Each structure stands twice: as C-alpha cells, then as structure tokens.
Amino acid sequence: AQFVESGGGLVQPGGSLTLSCVASGQFTVSEYTMAWYRQTPGKERELVAGMTTNNHKSYYLDSVKGRFTISRDTIVNIMYLRMDFLKPDETAVYFCKRKNFDDCWGPGTQVTVSL
C-alpha cells in the first residue's frame, strides 16, 4: 500500500484547508479503517481522524471535533480531511494510512497556520 498526501499550505488562523490522500495498492479505502495523523517536530505522531469500514463511522481527536471532517471517495480511492477554523498549534505535517497496519508512511503534506 502507498499513500500520497496533498492539499497542505499556509493558511491564516481561522481558515480552512482540505487535504487529499491518494491510496494505491491492491485494496480500496473502504475495505479498511483509514486514518489521518499529524506530527510536529519533537512530538509523537498523533491520530487526528479515522473512518471505519462497514458502518463508515468516523471519529476524531477531541480537540478537532466539530471542525475537521474525514471522508473518502472509493471510486478514485482517495481520503479527504476537511479542516475548518484552523489554529496555529495545528501546524504540522499531515499523513494518512490504514490504521493498525504496518504500511510505510507517505511524504505527508505540510500545513502551516500563521498570520
């Protein structure tokens, strides 16, 4: 499995971004629980949002609930993360992959929230 993230950039506090993650390999993003993660230098990578398989249930880090939305397009095998009302401390590199699988991490996409 391989993942390539995109859509990051510089945004002002309170702004929005939508990240994309193209998944490739012998699977579809609907067959597995998929998740978005983020990491800042010197900190552990943390799970930000996830989406399960059959019931399409989504779950979020408490601090992003109500502002972030995870979704997927199974036709093109892409995961999305819509992020609204972004905060400066959410500046990080964002990644996606299958949860609980030892997949290689993709390159990530840098999100910078700053004036």
C-alpha atoms as a PDB file:
ATOM      1  CA  ALA A   1       0.000   0.000   0.000  1.00  0.00           C
ATOM      2  CA  GLN A   2       1.165   3.520  -0.786  1.00  0.00           C
ATOM      3  CA  PHE A   3      -0.209   6.890   0.180  1.00  0.00           C
ATOM      4  CA  VAL A   4       0.463  10.336  -1.225  1.00  0.00           C
ATOM      5  CA  GLU A   5      -0.909  13.319   0.623  1.00  0.00           C
ATOM      6  CA  SER A   6      -1.528  16.787  -0.785  1.00  0.00           C
ATOM      7  CA  GLY A   7      -3.501  19.951  -0.190  1.00  0.00           C
ATOM      8  CA  GLY A   8      -1.464  21.487   2.594  1.00  0.00           C
ATOM      9  CA  GLY A   9      -0.239  25.046   2.611  1.00  0.00           C
ATOM     10  CA  LEU A  10      -0.141  28.281   4.504  1.00  0.00           C
ATOM     11  CA  VAL A  11      -3.435  29.430   5.984  1.00  0.00           C
ATOM     12  CA  GLN A  12      -4.363  32.119   8.471  1.00  0.00           C
ATOM     13  CA  PRO A  13      -5.817  31.207  11.851  1.00  0.00           C
ATOM     14  CA  GLY A  14      -9.495  30.512  11.421  1.00  0.00           C
ATOM     15  CA  GLY A  15      -9.014  29.452   7.835  1.00  0.00           C
ATOM     16  CA  SER A  16      -9.771  26.167   6.095  1.00  0.00           C
ATOM     17  CA  LEU A  17      -7.974  23.528   4.072  1.00  0.00           C
ATOM     18  CA  THR A  18      -8.957  20.245   2.521  1.00  0.00           C
ATOM     19  CA  LEU A  19      -6.279  17.575   2.408  1.00  0.00           C
ATOM     20  CA  SER A  20      -6.284  14.667  -0.012  1.00  0.00           C
ATOM     21  CA  CYS A  21      -4.624  11.290   0.216  1.00  0.00           C
ATOM     22  CA  VAL A  22      -4.339   9.101  -2.854  1.00  0.00           C
ATOM     23  CA  ALA A  23      -4.134   5.452  -1.878  1.00  0.00           C
ATOM     24  CA  SER A  24      -2.675   2.843  -4.205  1.00  0.00           C
ATOM     25  CA  GLY A  25      -2.186  -0.888  -3.972  1.00  0.00           C
ATOM     26  CA  GLN A  26      -4.384  -3.947  -4.026  1.00  0.00           C
ATOM     27  CA  PHE A  27      -7.067  -2.503  -1.798  1.00  0.00           C
ATOM     28  CA  THR A  28      -9.708   0.195  -1.607  1.00  0.00           C
ATOM     29  CA  VAL A  29     -10.039   2.770   1.137  1.00  0.00           C
ATOM     30  CA  SER A  30     -13.441   1.374   2.041  1.00  0.00           C
ATOM     31  CA  GLU A  31     -12.021  -2.056   2.928  1.00  0.00           C
ATOM     32  CA  TYR A  32     -10.012  -0.820   5.898  1.00  0.00           C
ATOM     33  CA  THR A  33     -10.225   1.658   8.700  1.00  0.00           C
ATOM     34  CA  MET A  34      -8.371   4.680   7.372  1.00  0.00           C
ATOM     35  CA  ALA A  35      -6.927   7.457   9.448  1.00  0.00           C
ATOM     36  CA  TRP A  36      -5.317  10.861   9.257  1.00  0.00           C
ATOM     37  CA  TYR A  37      -2.366  11.665  11.525  1.00  0.00           C
ATOM     38  CA  ARG A  38      -0.204  14.702  12.140  1.00  0.00           C
ATOM     39  CA  GLN A  39       3.259  15.290  13.502  1.00  0.00           C
ATOM     40  CA  THR A  40       5.253  18.300  14.605  1.00  0.00           C
ATOM     41  CA  PRO A  41       8.993  18.243  15.280  1.00  0.00           C
ATOM     42  CA  GLY A  42       9.803  16.818  18.671  1.00  0.00           C
ATOM     43  CA  LYS A  43       6.351  15.371  19.206  1.00  0.00           C
ATOM     44  CA  GLU A  44       4.787  11.973  18.745  1.00  0.00           C
ATOM     45  CA  ARG A  45       2.661  11.474  15.680  1.00  0.00           C
ATOM     46  CA  GLU A  46      -0.990  11.679  16.730  1.00  0.00           C
ATOM     47  CA  LEU A  47      -4.170  10.348  15.213  1.00  0.00           C
ATOM     48  CA  VAL A  48      -6.454  13.183  14.166  1.00  0.00           C
ATOM     49  CA  ALA A  49      -9.380  11.411  12.499  1.00  0.00           C
ATOM     50  CA  GLY A  50     -10.412   7.937  11.423  1.00  0.00           C
ATOM     51  CA  MET A  51     -13.132   6.256   9.432  1.00  0.00           C
ATOM     52  CA  THR A  52     -14.166   2.630   9.849  1.00  0.00           C
ATOM     53  CA  THR A  53     -15.162   0.216   7.151  1.00  0.00           C
ATOM     54  CA  ASN A  54     -18.642  -1.236   7.067  1.00  0.00           C
ATOM     55  CA  ASN A  55     -20.565   1.340   9.028  1.00  0.00           C
ATOM     56  CA  HIS A  56     -18.466   4.285   7.846  1.00  0.00           C
ATOM     57  CA  LYS A  57     -18.241   5.563  11.395  1.00  0.00           C
ATOM     58  CA  SER A  58     -15.878   8.471  11.841  1.00  0.00           C
ATOM     59  CA  TYR A  59     -14.053   9.506  14.999  1.00  0.00           C
ATOM     60  CA  TYR A  60     -11.847  12.430  15.903  1.00  0.00           C
ATOM     61  CA  LEU A  61      -9.267  13.724  18.297  1.00  0.00           C
ATOM     62  CA  ASP A  62     -11.221  15.697  20.898  1.00  0.00           C
ATOM     63  CA  SER A  63      -9.559  18.978  20.010  1.00  0.00           C
ATOM     64  CA  VAL A  64     -10.700  18.816  16.368  1.00  0.00           C
ATOM     65  CA  LYS A  65     -14.262  17.581  16.848  1.00  0.00           C
ATOM     66  CA  GLY A  66     -16.726  19.825  15.078  1.00  0.00           C
ATOM     67  CA  ARG A  67     -14.012  21.425  12.934  1.00  0.00           C
ATOM     68  CA  PHE A  68     -12.470  18.526  10.977  1.00  0.00           C
ATOM     69  CA  THR A  69     -14.324  16.116   8.702  1.00  0.00           C
ATOM     70  CA  ILE A  70     -12.907  12.898   7.294  1.00  0.00           C
ATOM     71  CA  SER A  71     -14.372  11.432   4.131  1.00  0.00           C
ATOM     72  CA  ARG A  72     -13.492   9.122   1.274  1.00  0.00           C
ATOM     73  CA  ASP A  73     -14.182   8.545  -2.389  1.00  0.00           C
ATOM     74  CA  THR A  74     -13.977   4.839  -3.090  1.00  0.00           C
ATOM     75  CA  ILE A  75     -14.224   5.283  -6.856  1.00  0.00           C
ATOM     76  CA  VAL A  76     -10.913   7.112  -7.061  1.00  0.00           C
ATOM     77  CA  ASN A  77      -9.536   5.626  -3.825  1.00  0.00           C
ATOM     78  CA  ILE A  78      -8.900   8.946  -2.107  1.00  0.00           C
ATOM     79  CA  MET A  79      -9.250  10.001   1.517  1.00  0.00           C
ATOM     80  CA  TYR A  80     -10.009  13.591   2.442  1.00  0.00           C
ATOM     81  CA  LEU A  81      -9.680  15.700   5.543  1.00  0.00           C
ATOM     82  CA  ARG A  82     -11.604  18.937   5.610  1.00  0.00           C
ATOM     83  CA  MET A  83     -10.202  21.270   8.282  1.00  0.00           C
ATOM     84  CA  ASP A  84     -12.061  24.401   9.362  1.00  0.00           C
ATOM     85  CA  PHE A  85     -11.228  27.087  11.927  1.00  0.00           C
ATOM     86  CA  LEU A  86      -7.607  26.067  11.955  1.00  0.00           C
ATOM     87  CA  LYS A  87      -5.410  27.046  14.876  1.00  0.00           C
ATOM     88  CA  PRO A  88      -1.690  27.910  14.931  1.00  0.00           C
ATOM     89  CA  ASP A  89      -0.881  24.892  17.093  1.00  0.00           C
ATOM     90  CA  GLU A  90      -2.266  22.648  14.357  1.00  0.00           C
ATOM     91  CA  THR A  91       0.722  23.461  12.217  1.00  0.00           C
ATOM     92  CA  ALA A  92       2.130  20.054  11.364  1.00  0.00           C
ATOM     93  CA  VAL A  93       2.805  17.546   8.640  1.00  0.00           C
ATOM     94  CA  TYR A  94      -0.331  15.533   7.967  1.00  0.00           C
ATOM     95  CA  PHE A  95      -0.335  11.902   6.863  1.00  0.00           C
ATOM     96  CA  CYS A  96      -2.864   9.226   6.085  1.00  0.00           C
ATOM     97  CA  LYS A  97      -2.697   5.435   6.078  1.00  0.00           C
ATOM     98  CA  ARG A  98      -4.551   2.332   7.096  1.00  0.00           C
ATOM     99  CA  LYS A  99      -4.976   2.206  10.829  1.00  0.00           C
ATOM    100  CA  ASN A 100      -3.256  -0.697  12.603  1.00  0.00           C
ATOM    101  CA  PHE A 101      -1.301  -1.717   9.525  1.00  0.00           C
ATOM    102  CA  ASP A 102       2.432  -1.510   9.185  1.00  0.00           C
ATOM    103  CA  ASP A 103       2.217   0.496   5.976  1.00  0.00           C
ATOM    104  CA  CYS A 104       5.003   2.831   5.001  1.00  0.00           C
ATOM    105  CA  TRP A 105       4.234   6.447   5.688  1.00  0.00           C
ATOM    106  CA  GLY A 106       3.760   8.720   2.721  1.00  0.00           C
ATOM    107  CA  PRO A 107       5.569  12.028   2.307  1.00  0.00           C
ATOM    108  CA  GLY A 108       2.852  13.910   4.182  1.00  0.00           C
ATOM    109  CA  THR A 109       1.646  17.401   3.437  1.00  0.00           C
ATOM    110  CA  GLN A 110       2.720  20.451   5.419  1.00  0.00           C
ATOM    111  CA  VAL A 111       0.017  22.575   6.995  1.00  0.00           C
ATOM    112  CA  THR A 112       1.129  25.910   8.402  1.00  0.00           C
ATOM    113  CA  VAL A 113      -1.364  28.030  10.320  1.00  0.00           C
ATOM    114  CA  SER A 114       0.022  31.512  10.762  1.00  0.00           C
ATOM    115  CA  LEU A 115      -0.671  35.184  10.147  1.00  0.00           C
END
